[in-house]
Protein backbone atom coordinates (compact mmCIF):
# COMPACT_ATOMS: atom_id res chain seq x y z
CA UNK A 1 51.26 53.22 -18.53
CA UNK A 2 48.64 54.83 -20.75
CA UNK A 3 48.96 57.29 -23.57
CA UNK A 4 49.77 57.83 -27.22
CA UNK A 5 53.08 57.44 -28.92
CA UNK A 6 53.87 58.82 -32.37
CA UNK A 7 56.03 56.63 -34.52
CA UNK A 8 57.74 57.94 -37.65
CA UNK A 9 57.94 55.68 -40.66
CA UNK A 10 61.07 55.35 -42.70
CA UNK A 11 61.26 54.57 -46.38
CA UNK A 12 63.48 52.01 -48.08
CA UNK A 13 66.31 54.54 -48.26
CA UNK A 14 66.39 54.97 -44.48
CA UNK A 15 65.03 58.53 -44.53
CA UNK A 16 62.22 59.22 -42.08
CA UNK A 17 59.13 60.61 -43.78
CA UNK A 18 56.81 63.22 -42.38
CA UNK A 19 53.93 60.73 -42.18
CA UNK A 20 53.07 59.79 -38.64
CA UNK A 21 51.30 56.78 -37.23
CA UNK A 22 49.62 57.12 -33.84
CA UNK A 23 49.60 54.08 -31.58
CA UNK A 24 47.24 54.04 -28.61
CA UNK A 25 48.56 52.17 -25.60
CA UNK A 26 45.95 50.52 -23.43
CA UNK A 27 46.03 51.23 -19.70
CA UNK A 28 47.82 48.45 -17.82
CA UNK A 29 44.92 47.95 -15.43
CA UNK A 30 42.41 47.10 -18.23
CA UNK A 31 41.82 43.65 -19.61
CA UNK A 32 41.75 42.93 -23.34
CA UNK A 33 37.94 42.47 -23.19
CA UNK A 34 37.50 45.87 -21.52
CA UNK A 35 39.66 47.58 -24.15
CA UNK A 36 37.75 45.83 -26.97
CA UNK A 37 34.43 46.87 -25.40
CA UNK A 38 35.64 50.49 -25.13
CA UNK A 39 36.75 50.49 -28.79
CA UNK A 40 33.36 49.11 -29.91
CA UNK A 41 31.49 51.73 -27.86
CA UNK A 42 33.69 54.55 -29.20
CA UNK A 43 33.14 53.33 -32.77
CA UNK A 44 29.37 53.11 -32.23
CA UNK A 45 29.32 56.67 -30.82
CA UNK A 46 31.38 57.99 -33.76
CA UNK A 47 29.10 56.33 -36.31
CA UNK A 48 25.96 57.60 -34.57
CA UNK A 49 27.37 61.13 -34.46
CA UNK A 50 28.24 61.03 -38.18
CA UNK A 51 24.71 60.08 -39.32
CA UNK A 52 22.92 63.05 -40.82
CA UNK A 53 19.57 64.09 -39.32
CA UNK A 54 17.84 63.10 -42.59
CA UNK A 55 19.29 59.57 -42.38
CA UNK A 56 18.18 59.18 -38.76
CA UNK A 57 14.51 59.79 -39.63
CA UNK A 58 12.25 56.98 -40.84
CA UNK A 59 12.02 56.52 -44.61
CA UNK A 60 9.03 58.45 -46.03
CA UNK A 61 6.17 56.64 -47.78
CA UNK A 62 5.96 56.41 -51.56
CA UNK A 63 3.07 58.88 -51.61
CA UNK A 64 5.04 61.38 -49.54
CA UNK A 65 8.01 61.11 -51.89
CA UNK A 66 5.82 61.48 -55.00
CA UNK A 67 4.10 64.56 -53.54
CA UNK A 68 7.46 66.12 -52.61
CA UNK A 69 8.90 65.39 -56.07
CA UNK A 70 5.91 66.89 -57.89
CA UNK A 71 6.03 70.00 -55.69
CA UNK A 72 9.78 70.36 -56.21
CA UNK A 73 9.42 69.98 -59.98
CA UNK A 74 6.61 72.54 -60.02
CA UNK A 75 8.70 74.99 -57.95
CA UNK A 76 11.62 74.48 -60.36
CA UNK A 77 9.42 75.19 -63.40
CA UNK A 78 9.85 71.69 -64.84
CA UNK A 79 7.68 71.06 -67.91
CA UNK A 80 5.38 68.19 -68.91
CA UNK A 81 5.49 66.36 -65.56
CA UNK A 82 4.04 62.84 -65.84
CA UNK A 83 3.57 60.48 -62.86
CA UNK A 84 3.37 56.79 -63.75
CA UNK A 85 2.39 53.93 -61.47
CA UNK A 86 4.76 51.10 -62.38
CA UNK A 87 4.23 48.85 -59.35
CA UNK A 88 2.45 46.21 -61.45
CA UNK A 89 4.99 46.39 -64.29
CA UNK A 90 8.31 46.24 -62.46
CA UNK A 91 9.96 45.52 -59.14
CA UNK A 92 12.34 48.47 -59.70
CA UNK A 93 10.02 51.01 -58.12
CA UNK A 94 6.37 51.80 -57.40
CA UNK A 95 6.29 55.13 -59.25
CA UNK A 96 8.16 56.78 -62.06
CA UNK A 97 8.08 60.50 -62.69
CA UNK A 98 9.18 61.97 -66.00
CA UNK A 99 9.75 65.70 -66.53
CA UNK A 100 11.57 68.05 -68.89
CA UNK A 101 13.80 71.07 -68.47
CA UNK A 102 14.35 73.69 -71.15
CA UNK A 103 18.16 73.33 -71.33
CA UNK A 104 21.15 71.51 -69.83
CA UNK A 105 21.41 74.15 -67.14
CA UNK A 106 17.70 73.99 -66.33
CA UNK A 107 17.76 70.17 -66.04
CA UNK A 108 20.78 70.42 -63.71
CA UNK A 109 19.11 73.07 -61.55
CA UNK A 110 15.91 70.99 -61.33
CA UNK A 111 17.97 67.96 -60.26
CA UNK A 112 19.94 69.90 -57.63
CA UNK A 113 16.77 71.34 -56.11
CA UNK A 114 15.06 67.92 -56.19
CA UNK A 115 17.96 66.27 -54.36
CA UNK A 116 17.86 68.96 -51.64
CA UNK A 117 14.07 68.60 -51.27
CA UNK A 118 14.29 64.79 -51.06
CA UNK A 119 16.97 64.98 -48.37
CA UNK A 120 14.82 67.49 -46.48
CA UNK A 121 11.91 65.02 -46.24
CA UNK A 122 14.13 62.13 -45.14
CA UNK A 123 15.33 60.41 -48.30
CA UNK A 124 18.95 59.99 -47.26
CA UNK A 125 21.36 60.45 -50.17
CA UNK A 126 19.25 59.76 -53.26
CA UNK A 127 21.28 58.08 -55.98
CA UNK A 128 21.83 60.26 -59.05
CA UNK A 129 23.08 59.43 -62.55
CA UNK A 130 23.72 61.75 -65.48
CA UNK A 131 24.17 64.98 -63.56
CA UNK A 132 27.43 66.07 -65.24
CA UNK A 133 25.90 66.09 -68.76
CA UNK A 134 22.28 66.97 -67.86
CA UNK A 135 20.74 65.47 -71.00
CA UNK A 136 19.00 62.80 -68.93
CA UNK A 137 19.28 62.81 -65.14
CA UNK A 138 17.97 59.85 -63.17
CA UNK A 139 17.24 60.38 -59.47
CA UNK A 140 16.58 57.14 -57.57
CA UNK A 141 14.61 57.88 -54.41
CA UNK A 142 13.95 54.27 -53.45
CA UNK A 143 10.41 53.42 -54.55
CA UNK A 144 10.25 56.49 -56.80
CA UNK A 145 12.38 56.98 -59.92
CA UNK A 146 12.60 60.49 -61.36
CA UNK A 147 13.75 61.00 -64.96
CA UNK A 148 14.63 64.56 -65.98
CA UNK A 149 15.23 65.21 -69.67
CA UNK A 150 15.94 67.89 -72.19
CA UNK A 151 12.88 67.85 -74.53
CA UNK A 152 14.63 66.30 -77.56
CA UNK A 153 16.19 63.53 -75.45
CA UNK A 154 12.84 62.80 -73.82
CA UNK A 155 11.21 62.45 -77.23
CA UNK A 156 13.92 60.05 -78.38
CA UNK A 157 13.59 57.64 -75.43
CA UNK A 158 9.79 57.95 -74.99
CA UNK A 159 9.71 56.47 -71.48
CA UNK A 160 6.05 57.39 -70.99
CA UNK A 161 5.10 55.20 -73.93
CA UNK A 162 7.16 52.27 -72.64
CA UNK A 163 5.89 52.47 -69.04
CA UNK A 164 2.31 53.69 -69.59
CA UNK A 165 -0.61 51.51 -68.43
CA UNK A 166 -1.45 50.77 -72.09
CA UNK A 167 2.01 49.32 -72.81
CA UNK A 168 2.27 45.52 -72.76
CA UNK A 169 3.44 43.97 -69.48
CA UNK A 170 6.61 41.96 -69.00
CA UNK A 171 6.95 38.78 -71.03
CA UNK A 172 7.47 35.44 -69.37
CA UNK A 173 9.66 32.71 -70.78
CA UNK A 174 7.82 29.83 -72.35
CA UNK A 175 9.30 26.40 -72.11
């Protein structure tokens, strides 16, 4: 016998709820190993089908990401765009890009457009922090970190000064 059977669940008071649980019955002529193999194959197919086209592509190079970010920021009218090479200073990323927007709304619009452009080139789901407030939005695109600020917030944190080539490198512990 093969098929599906719906089973109602009842609460502690004996009343059957509207929630349903579906139980799949394995065909009688299949072994446990065959059923397990079928479930694994079905799961693999479902996962493969749910992967977005951007996630299926190979990860773009750091240079490709930097070029796409700079173009996106330029198209969004971001101001004072600075690209910093931080590969020698930190293992966090190879490049850091700092830019400003004129207002909360402008910073949010720049971030939204940047996320779309990154996904378009193959950066699957860039991680984003600070988007609800839009004072400082951090977009993590793997080897490239993008910091978007309102001008007064950017001046307060002065990331360019901290990460510039002239800034001292990381300190090592002396023992």
